[in-house]
């Protein structure tokens, strides 16, 4: 049977080819995790909220889990290059209906992560301008300034974004390294490995601690999303992903450990209640004022870097789904000059603008921390909820894919590693569900504890239903699901979507 024709969108648009090498992709992955923001805000919040001393060890544990996950994930990326990575992998491993459901979950989750960060960005920039320049500017005006910058970069060449992110990430690392060195030199209670001992992590609060720490890794999986734009599809994304996970896990573990040394193991949990103020207050005591000012500015730019990184991911998901006809084909239109996913980028910007305006109106006259306690906390944790679920699904999808197409790879790569990571991620997802009220800052029972997860789960179920409908109404479109515009015959289908040959006879 002849292959169904590609959509007009698929024929008339493409992403930029061979622009990204390993270093550029590593910077883009790490930028999504915003190193200075994680150390200054994420790690301190984790200590303060959970009361667990073993936060440094949590990064090591999660780093190992994600490296095991990356074994099968990056192996599959060598054979399936698609800008909608999770969507494509689940489609090819667990079936097209599951893939479309995963795509809608990914869109909601990545948008939630990206838009939520605007809350912290707006607050941080407004606070920086007020503190250092005496300017009183509403958080939402500052957020809109960031929104404009992200929107402009989003329709530009992806390697230009990578260069901007590379500079920002390098400076962030510099500030954190200076903090780490000074903390180790201060050591009021001496150098100790207490926070790295298993007994310090595996206590009553371990679930919440791991749920907090996993957010620091969000974005590492985006390496495969650039599979169509890297210089070598067979090696670039794989190497960049493994390098990024190793750097993120080791760097955050070391920095969190240094924090326990700099404050003292007996005081770090209590002192962390000051959040980023603890880190920058420490720097103010031990470094020149200009360095502290630079650190505060880089805290703002680290958030901007994360906004750019997640924006690029969302725009490519829109592109992928539009190219295959699962969403309107107009979303697959690219900038003819830069080959950036123009319509996907503009769509993400429009969604972000609407949400920002809603929260700006809702927060009129509210406490100065409103965008942090609501927009940032609610949406970023909702995004992490969805992305961890997708990683668990992808682990099992890798097993399904390689059961049909082993490509001569080892059992460790195709079965054992994905199974281990899948089970571990399911346990981690359970920890997030159990502690979701803590993650979004609820002090008492609230409907938000189930409304926000439903915002992720309901679209996933709707996506499955939409795929079933596509199979009946638009079989040619359904045949393209998860294939990046390739003809269906180019790659075999999952058994879940095929009628056994013997039944056809």
Protein backbone atom coordinates (compact mmCIF):
# COMPACT_ATOMS: atom_id res chain seq x y z
CA UNK A 1 0.00 0.00 0.00
CA UNK A 2 1.32 3.44 -0.87
CA UNK A 3 2.31 5.68 1.99
CA UNK A 4 -0.04 8.52 2.75
CA UNK A 5 1.25 11.83 1.54
CA UNK A 6 2.98 14.15 3.90
CA UNK A 7 1.08 17.18 5.03
CA UNK A 8 1.70 20.49 3.40
CA UNK A 9 3.23 21.72 6.59
CA UNK A 10 5.60 18.80 6.70
CA UNK A 11 6.68 19.37 3.13
CA UNK A 12 7.11 23.11 3.39
CA UNK A 13 8.95 23.56 6.67
CA UNK A 14 12.00 22.27 8.43
CA UNK A 15 14.18 23.09 11.40
CA UNK A 16 17.74 24.35 11.02
CA UNK A 17 20.14 21.53 10.30
CA UNK A 18 23.56 20.81 11.82
CA UNK A 19 23.76 23.91 14.00
CA UNK A 20 24.38 22.45 17.48
CA UNK A 21 27.47 20.65 18.72
CA UNK A 22 27.96 18.89 22.06
CA UNK A 23 29.15 21.97 24.05
CA UNK A 24 26.28 24.16 22.81
CA UNK A 25 23.70 21.49 23.61
CA UNK A 26 25.17 20.90 27.07
CA UNK A 27 24.83 24.62 27.84
CA UNK A 28 21.23 24.64 26.64
CA UNK A 29 20.38 21.65 28.82
CA UNK A 30 22.08 23.06 31.92
CA UNK A 31 20.53 26.49 31.32
CA UNK A 32 17.08 24.99 31.77
CA UNK A 33 18.00 23.98 35.30
CA UNK A 34 19.24 27.53 36.14
CA UNK A 35 22.26 26.63 38.36
CA UNK A 36 22.37 29.82 40.42
CA UNK A 37 18.60 29.72 40.96
CA UNK A 38 18.74 26.10 42.07
CA UNK A 39 21.55 26.67 44.57
CA UNK A 40 20.23 29.99 45.86
CA UNK A 41 16.53 29.18 45.82
CA UNK A 42 15.91 25.47 45.26
CA UNK A 43 18.47 23.97 47.65
CA UNK A 44 17.71 26.44 50.43
CA UNK A 45 13.96 25.82 50.06
CA UNK A 46 14.54 22.07 50.16
CA UNK A 47 16.47 22.32 53.44
CA UNK A 48 13.93 24.70 54.98
CA UNK A 49 10.72 22.93 53.97
CA UNK A 50 11.73 19.29 54.43
CA UNK A 51 14.11 19.67 57.37
CA UNK A 52 16.26 16.94 55.79
CA UNK A 53 20.02 17.32 56.10
CA UNK A 54 20.81 14.83 53.33
CA UNK A 55 19.88 17.10 50.41
CA UNK A 56 23.40 16.78 48.89
CA UNK A 57 22.98 13.00 48.74
CA UNK A 58 19.57 13.40 47.05
CA UNK A 59 21.28 14.92 44.00
CA UNK A 60 23.66 11.96 43.79
CA UNK A 61 20.80 9.45 44.07
CA UNK A 62 18.73 11.25 41.43
CA UNK A 63 21.76 11.71 39.18
CA UNK A 64 22.36 7.95 39.19
CA UNK A 65 18.68 7.23 38.44
CA UNK A 66 18.68 9.69 35.54
CA UNK A 67 21.96 8.36 34.14
CA UNK A 68 20.39 4.90 34.09
CA UNK A 69 17.31 6.44 32.41
CA UNK A 70 19.56 8.09 29.85
CA UNK A 71 21.07 4.74 28.80
CA UNK A 72 17.94 3.63 26.95
CA UNK A 73 16.62 7.14 26.27
CA UNK A 74 19.72 8.30 24.43
CA UNK A 75 20.09 4.95 22.66
CA UNK A 76 16.60 5.45 21.24
CA UNK A 77 17.49 9.03 20.28
CA UNK A 78 20.09 7.63 17.86
CA UNK A 79 17.33 5.91 15.89
CA UNK A 80 14.38 8.28 16.41
CA UNK A 81 15.13 11.95 15.81
CA UNK A 82 12.02 14.01 16.47
CA UNK A 83 11.52 17.49 17.93
CA UNK A 84 8.75 16.03 20.10
CA UNK A 85 11.01 13.58 21.93
CA UNK A 86 8.76 12.13 24.67
CA UNK A 87 5.81 12.17 22.29
CA UNK A 88 7.70 10.33 19.56
CA UNK A 89 9.27 7.78 21.91
CA UNK A 90 6.01 6.88 23.64
CA UNK A 91 4.27 6.66 20.24
CA UNK A 92 6.90 4.28 18.92
CA UNK A 93 7.12 2.19 22.07
CA UNK A 94 3.64 2.13 23.60
CA UNK A 95 1.39 3.01 20.67
CA UNK A 96 0.14 6.11 18.89
CA UNK A 97 -2.79 6.80 21.22
CA UNK A 98 -0.48 6.78 24.24
CA UNK A 99 1.93 8.97 22.28
CA UNK A 100 -0.63 11.68 21.57
CA UNK A 101 -1.68 11.61 25.23
CA UNK A 102 1.99 11.99 26.21
CA UNK A 103 2.34 14.89 23.76
CA UNK A 104 -0.50 16.82 25.37
CA UNK A 105 0.92 16.14 28.84
CA UNK A 106 4.32 17.35 27.63
CA UNK A 107 2.86 20.54 26.18
CA UNK A 108 1.04 21.35 29.41
CA UNK A 109 4.03 20.44 31.59
CA UNK A 110 6.67 22.34 29.63
CA UNK A 111 4.41 25.36 29.29
CA UNK A 112 3.75 25.26 33.04
CA UNK A 113 7.49 25.12 33.76
CA UNK A 114 8.27 27.95 31.36
CA UNK A 115 5.42 30.27 32.28
CA UNK A 116 5.82 29.61 36.01
CA UNK A 117 9.43 30.81 35.90
CA UNK A 118 8.17 34.25 34.80
CA UNK A 119 6.79 34.66 38.32
CA UNK A 120 10.21 34.29 39.92
CA UNK A 121 11.89 36.27 37.13
CA UNK A 122 9.51 39.21 37.52
CA UNK A 123 9.95 39.26 41.29
CA UNK A 124 13.76 38.89 41.14
CA UNK A 125 14.21 41.63 38.53
CA UNK A 126 11.87 44.01 40.36
CA UNK A 127 13.71 43.37 43.62
CA UNK A 128 17.12 43.88 41.96
CA UNK A 129 16.04 47.20 40.41
CA UNK A 130 14.56 48.39 43.70
CA UNK A 131 17.58 47.38 45.79
CA UNK A 132 20.39 48.54 43.51
CA UNK A 133 18.79 51.41 41.61
CA UNK A 134 15.90 52.56 43.77
CA UNK A 135 13.39 51.89 41.00
CA UNK A 136 9.90 50.70 41.95
CA UNK A 137 8.58 48.66 39.05
CA UNK A 138 5.74 46.08 39.31
CA UNK A 139 6.82 42.47 38.97
CA UNK A 140 4.56 41.91 35.98
CA UNK A 141 6.20 44.75 34.03
CA UNK A 142 9.57 43.12 34.65
CA UNK A 143 8.14 39.76 33.62
CA UNK A 144 6.86 41.27 30.37
CA UNK A 145 10.35 42.62 29.62
CA UNK A 146 11.69 39.08 29.95
CA UNK A 147 8.80 37.82 27.85
CA UNK A 148 9.78 40.16 25.01
CA UNK A 149 13.44 39.06 25.09
CA UNK A 150 12.48 35.38 25.09
CA UNK A 151 10.04 35.93 22.23
CA UNK A 152 12.69 37.63 20.08
CA UNK A 153 15.28 34.91 20.70
CA UNK A 154 12.66 32.23 20.12
CA UNK A 155 12.29 33.11 16.42
CA UNK A 156 16.05 33.50 15.93
CA UNK A 157 18.66 30.89 15.07
CA UNK A 158 18.94 28.22 17.75
CA UNK A 159 22.73 28.51 17.84
CA UNK A 160 22.37 32.20 18.70
CA UNK A 161 20.29 31.24 21.74
CA UNK A 162 22.95 28.66 22.62
CA UNK A 163 25.68 31.32 22.61
CA UNK A 164 23.67 33.60 24.89
CA UNK A 165 22.90 30.73 27.25
CA UNK A 166 26.52 29.58 27.25
CA UNK A 167 27.76 32.94 28.52
CA UNK A 168 25.06 33.16 31.21
CA UNK A 169 25.61 29.58 32.45
CA UNK A 170 29.40 30.03 32.62
CA UNK A 171 29.00 33.15 34.80
CA UNK A 172 26.47 31.38 37.03
CA UNK A 173 28.93 28.57 37.64
CA UNK A 174 31.58 31.12 38.55
CA UNK A 175 29.40 32.73 41.24
CA UNK A 176 28.37 29.38 42.73
CA UNK A 177 31.96 28.08 42.73
CA UNK A 178 33.11 31.20 44.59
CA UNK A 179 30.33 30.62 47.13
CA UNK A 180 31.33 26.95 47.51
CA UNK A 181 35.00 27.76 48.06
CA UNK A 182 34.21 30.45 50.64
CA UNK A 183 31.75 28.16 52.42
CA UNK A 184 34.35 25.40 52.72
CA UNK A 185 36.88 27.92 54.00
CA UNK A 186 34.42 29.27 56.60
CA UNK A 187 33.33 25.86 57.98
CA UNK A 188 32.16 26.95 61.47
CA UNK A 189 31.69 23.32 62.52
CA UNK A 190 34.54 21.90 60.48
CA UNK A 191 34.51 19.74 57.36
CA UNK A 192 32.05 16.88 57.68
CA UNK A 193 30.44 14.28 55.42
CA UNK A 194 27.35 14.01 57.62
CA UNK A 195 24.99 15.40 54.94
CA UNK A 196 26.23 12.72 52.51
CA UNK A 197 25.43 9.83 54.83
CA UNK A 198 22.40 7.68 53.91
CA UNK A 199 20.89 8.17 57.39
CA UNK A 200 20.71 11.92 56.72
CA UNK A 201 18.55 11.46 53.62
CA UNK A 202 16.49 8.34 54.19
CA UNK A 203 14.34 9.73 56.96
CA UNK A 204 10.65 10.64 57.23
CA UNK A 205 11.07 13.53 54.77
CA UNK A 206 12.94 11.66 52.03
CA UNK A 207 9.96 11.69 49.64
CA UNK A 208 9.57 15.46 49.81
CA UNK A 209 13.35 15.97 49.56
CA UNK A 210 13.61 13.90 46.37
CA UNK A 211 10.52 15.59 44.94
CA UNK A 212 12.12 18.99 45.50
CA UNK A 213 15.51 17.94 44.13
CA UNK A 214 14.22 16.40 40.90
CA UNK A 215 13.08 19.86 39.80
CA UNK A 216 16.76 20.83 39.55
CA UNK A 217 17.21 18.30 36.75
CA UNK A 218 14.18 19.31 34.68
CA UNK A 219 15.26 20.11 31.14
CA UNK A 220 18.03 17.49 30.94
CA UNK A 221 15.81 15.38 28.67
CA UNK A 222 15.59 18.21 26.13
CA UNK A 223 18.81 17.08 24.44
CA UNK A 224 16.86 14.64 22.30
CA UNK A 225 14.39 17.37 21.32
CA UNK A 226 17.18 19.00 19.31
CA UNK A 227 17.93 15.74 17.51
CA UNK A 228 16.96 17.26 14.15
CA UNK A 229 19.25 20.27 14.66
CA UNK A 230 22.49 18.75 16.01
CA UNK A 231 25.65 18.27 13.99
CA UNK A 232 25.72 14.50 14.47
CA UNK A 233 22.34 12.89 15.29
CA UNK A 234 24.07 9.63 16.21
CA UNK A 235 26.27 11.02 18.96
CA UNK A 236 25.63 14.69 19.83
CA UNK A 237 22.39 14.40 21.81
CA UNK A 238 23.56 11.24 23.58
CA UNK A 239 26.89 12.69 24.69
CA UNK A 240 25.38 16.05 25.66
CA UNK A 241 22.66 14.43 27.76
CA UNK A 242 25.06 12.17 29.67
CA UNK A 243 27.52 15.03 30.23
CA UNK A 244 24.77 17.39 31.39
CA UNK A 245 23.28 14.92 33.89
CA UNK A 246 26.73 14.18 35.32
CA UNK A 247 27.57 17.88 35.67
CA UNK A 248 24.20 18.82 37.16
CA UNK A 249 24.17 15.96 39.67
CA UNK A 250 27.77 16.40 40.79
CA UNK A 251 27.70 20.20 40.87
CA UNK A 252 24.48 20.48 42.86
CA UNK A 253 25.54 17.75 45.28
CA UNK A 254 28.87 19.50 45.87
CA UNK A 255 27.24 22.93 46.25
CA UNK A 256 24.56 21.65 48.65
CA UNK A 257 27.27 19.90 50.68
CA UNK A 258 29.33 23.10 50.72
CA UNK A 259 26.25 24.92 52.01
CA UNK A 260 26.01 22.53 54.97
CA UNK A 261 29.70 23.18 55.70
CA UNK A 262 29.44 26.95 55.33
CA UNK A 263 26.44 27.23 57.66
CA UNK A 264 27.18 24.22 59.84
CA UNK A 265 25.21 20.96 59.81
CA UNK A 266 23.34 21.97 62.97
CA UNK A 267 22.27 25.38 61.57
CA UNK A 268 21.78 24.97 57.81
CA UNK A 269 18.13 23.88 57.99
CA UNK A 270 17.14 26.82 60.20
CA UNK A 271 19.21 29.38 58.30
CA UNK A 272 17.82 28.22 54.95
CA UNK A 273 14.48 29.78 55.83
CA UNK A 274 15.98 33.01 54.42
CA UNK A 275 16.10 31.39 50.98
CA UNK A 276 18.37 33.15 48.46
CA UNK A 277 19.05 35.77 51.14
CA UNK A 278 21.17 33.23 53.01
CA UNK A 279 23.45 32.69 50.01
CA UNK A 280 23.73 36.32 48.98
CA UNK A 281 24.06 37.46 52.59
CA UNK A 282 26.99 35.06 52.97
CA UNK A 283 28.56 36.44 49.80
CA UNK A 284 28.01 40.02 51.02
CA UNK A 285 30.04 39.21 54.13
CA UNK A 286 32.95 37.62 52.27
CA UNK A 287 33.14 39.35 48.87
CA UNK A 288 33.21 42.92 47.50
CA UNK A 289 29.86 44.65 46.95
CA UNK A 290 30.31 44.59 43.18
CA UNK A 291 30.51 40.80 43.24
CA UNK A 292 27.27 40.57 45.22
CA UNK A 293 25.60 42.92 42.74
CA UNK A 294 26.84 40.76 39.88
CA UNK A 295 25.56 37.66 41.68
CA UNK A 296 22.12 39.21 42.09
CA UNK A 297 22.06 40.19 38.44
CA UNK A 298 23.11 36.67 37.41
CA UNK A 299 20.31 35.28 39.58
CA UNK A 300 17.96 37.22 37.31
CA UNK A 301 19.72 36.18 34.10
CA UNK A 302 19.78 32.53 35.22
CA UNK A 303 16.00 32.66 35.28
CA UNK A 304 16.01 34.31 31.85
CA UNK A 305 18.24 31.50 30.55
CA UNK A 306 15.80 28.91 31.88
CA UNK A 307 12.92 30.78 30.22
CA UNK A 308 14.72 30.71 26.88
CA UNK A 309 15.60 27.03 27.18
CA UNK A 310 12.06 25.90 28.04
CA UNK A 311 10.58 28.23 25.41
CA UNK A 312 12.70 26.51 22.76
CA UNK A 313 11.48 23.11 23.95
CA UNK A 314 7.78 24.09 23.84
CA UNK A 315 8.06 25.68 20.40
CA UNK A 316 9.59 22.47 19.02
CA UNK A 317 6.81 20.37 20.51
CA UNK A 318 4.26 22.59 18.76
CA UNK A 319 6.27 22.27 15.55
CA UNK A 320 6.42 18.47 15.77
CA UNK A 321 2.71 18.05 16.45
CA UNK A 322 1.78 20.55 13.72
CA UNK A 323 4.04 18.84 11.18
CA UNK A 324 2.28 15.54 11.75
CA UNK A 325 -1.23 17.05 11.71
CA UNK A 326 -2.03 16.16 15.33
CA UNK A 327 -2.37 19.89 15.98
CA UNK A 328 -3.10 22.55 13.31
CA UNK A 329 -0.53 22.37 10.52
CA UNK A 330 0.15 26.10 10.79
CA UNK A 331 2.18 25.35 13.92
CA UNK A 332 4.80 23.65 11.74
CA UNK A 333 5.68 26.87 9.94
CA UNK A 334 9.30 27.88 10.44
CA UNK A 335 11.11 31.17 9.92
CA UNK A 336 12.45 30.97 6.34
CA UNK A 337 15.61 32.85 7.34
CA UNK A 338 16.50 31.27 10.69
CA UNK A 339 14.58 27.96 10.40
CA UNK A 340 13.34 28.47 13.96
CA UNK A 341 9.85 27.02 14.67
CA UNK A 342 8.25 30.46 14.26
CA UNK A 343 4.58 29.63 14.77
CA UNK A 344 5.34 27.31 17.69
CA UNK A 345 7.40 30.08 19.27
CA UNK A 346 4.72 32.73 18.76
CA UNK A 347 2.05 30.39 20.13
CA UNK A 348 4.05 29.74 23.28
CA UNK A 349 4.63 33.47 23.71
CA UNK A 350 0.91 34.14 23.33
CA UNK A 351 0.03 31.53 25.98
CA UNK A 352 2.61 32.99 28.36
CA UNK A 353 1.25 36.49 27.82
CA UNK A 354 -2.31 35.44 28.65
CA UNK A 355 -1.27 33.68 31.87
CA UNK A 356 0.95 36.60 32.92
CA UNK A 357 -1.89 39.06 32.46
CA UNK A 358 -4.27 36.85 34.45
CA UNK A 359 -1.86 36.64 37.39
CA UNK A 360 -1.04 40.36 37.13
CA UNK A 361 -4.73 41.19 37.50
CA UNK A 362 -5.29 38.60 40.24
CA UNK A 363 -2.28 39.84 42.19
CA UNK A 364 -3.08 43.54 42.04
CA UNK A 365 -2.49 44.95 45.52
CA UNK A 366 -1.28 41.59 46.86
CA UNK A 367 1.89 40.85 48.83
CA UNK A 368 5.17 41.44 46.98
CA UNK A 369 5.85 37.68 47.07
CA UNK A 370 2.58 36.88 45.27
CA UNK A 371 4.20 35.88 41.92
CA UNK A 372 6.62 33.56 43.74
CA UNK A 373 4.05 31.87 46.00
CA UNK A 374 1.50 31.43 43.20
CA UNK A 375 2.67 31.68 39.59
CA UNK A 376 6.14 30.25 40.18
CA UNK A 377 5.41 27.66 42.87
CA UNK A 378 2.16 26.34 41.45
CA UNK A 379 3.14 26.08 37.81
CA UNK A 380 6.73 24.85 38.07
CA UNK A 381 5.79 22.05 40.45
CA UNK A 382 2.86 21.14 38.22
CA UNK A 383 5.29 20.96 35.31
CA UNK A 384 7.70 18.75 37.25
CA UNK A 385 4.78 16.47 38.17
CA UNK A 386 3.98 15.91 34.50
CA UNK A 387 7.56 15.56 33.29
CA UNK A 388 8.49 12.89 35.85
CA UNK A 389 5.40 10.92 34.79
CA UNK A 390 6.49 11.26 31.15
CA UNK A 391 10.01 10.04 31.96
CA UNK A 392 8.55 6.95 33.62
CA UNK A 393 6.36 6.27 30.56
CA UNK A 394 9.32 6.83 28.25
CA UNK A 395 11.39 4.23 30.14
CA UNK A 396 8.80 1.57 29.40
CA UNK A 397 8.40 2.88 25.85
CA UNK A 398 12.12 2.30 25.28
CA UNK A 399 11.66 -1.34 26.25
CA UNK A 400 8.71 -1.66 23.84
CA UNK A 401 10.63 -0.08 20.98
CA UNK A 402 13.76 -2.19 21.34
CA UNK A 403 11.75 -5.41 21.71
CA UNK A 404 10.83 -4.94 18.05
CA UNK A 405 14.04 -3.31 16.88
CA UNK A 406 17.03 -4.32 18.98
CA UNK A 407 19.53 -2.69 16.58
CA UNK A 408 22.08 -5.14 17.95
CA UNK A 409 22.25 -3.36 21.32
CA UNK A 410 22.85 -5.09 24.63
CA UNK A 411 20.13 -6.30 27.00
CA UNK A 412 21.40 -3.76 29.55
CA UNK A 413 20.64 -0.91 27.11
CA UNK A 414 17.36 -2.17 25.73
CA UNK A 415 15.73 -3.77 28.78
CA UNK A 416 17.50 -3.76 32.16
CA UNK A 417 18.44 -0.05 32.38
CA UNK A 418 15.03 1.20 31.13
CA UNK A 419 13.23 -1.16 33.53
CA UNK A 420 15.31 -0.03 36.51
CA UNK A 421 14.81 3.64 35.67
CA UNK A 422 11.10 3.12 34.98
CA UNK A 423 10.48 1.53 38.37
CA UNK A 424 12.59 4.19 40.12
CA UNK A 425 10.75 7.01 38.36
CA UNK A 426 7.36 5.51 39.23
CA UNK A 427 8.44 5.51 42.90
CA UNK A 428 9.64 9.10 42.55
CA UNK A 429 6.37 10.10 40.88
CA UNK A 430 4.52 8.54 43.82
CA UNK A 431 6.63 10.67 46.19
CA UNK A 432 5.65 13.79 44.26
CA UNK A 433 1.96 12.86 44.42
CA UNK A 434 2.15 12.17 48.16
CA UNK A 435 3.95 15.45 48.86
CA UNK A 436 2.34 17.69 46.27
CA UNK A 437 0.64 19.86 48.88
CA UNK A 438 4.05 20.50 50.47
CA UNK A 439 5.64 21.30 47.10
CA UNK A 440 3.10 24.01 46.29
CA UNK A 441 3.32 25.52 49.75
CA UNK A 442 -0.05 24.53 51.18
CA UNK A 443 -0.33 24.62 54.95
CA UNK A 444 -3.83 23.13 55.05
CA UNK A 445 -6.11 21.06 52.84
CA UNK A 446 -6.96 22.79 49.55
CA UNK A 447 -8.56 21.92 46.23
CA UNK A 448 -5.33 23.08 44.56
CA UNK A 449 -3.66 19.84 45.63
CA UNK A 450 -5.78 17.94 43.10
CA UNK A 451 -6.72 20.70 40.63
CA UNK A 452 -3.13 21.34 39.53
CA UNK A 453 -2.29 17.65 38.88
CA UNK A 454 -5.61 17.37 37.02
CA UNK A 455 -4.47 20.21 34.75
CA UNK A 456 -1.76 17.81 33.54
CA UNK A 457 -3.61 14.47 33.64
CA UNK A 458 -6.94 15.45 32.04
CA UNK A 459 -5.35 16.75 28.81
CA UNK A 460 -3.37 13.50 28.62
CA UNK A 461 -6.58 11.47 28.70
CA UNK A 462 -8.14 13.87 26.19
CA UNK A 463 -5.12 13.34 23.95
CA UNK A 464 -5.67 9.58 23.99
CA UNK A 465 -9.33 10.11 23.06
CA UNK A 466 -8.32 12.52 20.29
CA UNK A 467 -5.91 9.94 18.87
CA UNK A 468 -8.64 7.30 18.79
CA UNK A 469 -10.84 9.77 16.94
CA UNK A 470 -8.03 10.56 14.48
CA UNK A 471 -7.64 6.87 13.72
CA UNK A 472 -11.23 6.78 12.47
CA UNK A 473 -11.63 10.21 10.91
CA UNK A 474 -8.11 10.89 9.60
CA UNK A 475 -6.24 7.60 9.22
CA UNK A 476 -3.50 9.24 7.11
CA UNK A 477 -2.76 11.69 9.92
CA UNK A 478 -2.92 8.90 12.49
CA UNK A 479 -0.38 6.90 10.47
CA UNK A 480 2.09 9.79 10.79
CA UNK A 481 1.93 10.03 14.59
CA UNK A 482 5.39 10.00 16.14
CA UNK A 483 7.24 9.75 12.82
CA UNK A 484 8.39 13.29 12.19
CA UNK A 485 6.84 13.37 8.73
CA UNK A 486 8.46 10.11 7.55
CA UNK A 487 6.34 7.64 5.60
CA UNK A 488 4.85 4.92 7.85
CA UNK A 489 6.65 2.19 5.94
CA UNK A 490 10.02 3.72 6.82
CA UNK A 491 9.80 2.35 10.36
CA UNK A 492 7.74 -0.50 11.82
CA UNK A 493 4.73 0.19 14.00
CA UNK A 494 4.28 -0.80 17.66
CA UNK A 495 2.31 -4.03 18.03
CA UNK A 496 -0.18 -2.16 20.20
CA UNK A 497 -1.45 -0.38 17.09
CA UNK A 498 -1.39 -3.29 14.66
CA UNK A 499 -3.75 -6.14 14.13
CA UNK A 500 -1.83 -9.43 14.27
CA UNK A 501 -1.05 -10.73 10.80
CA UNK A 502 -2.64 -14.10 11.49
CA UNK A 503 -5.96 -12.40 12.33
CA UNK A 504 -5.89 -10.51 9.04
CA UNK A 505 -5.65 -13.77 7.20
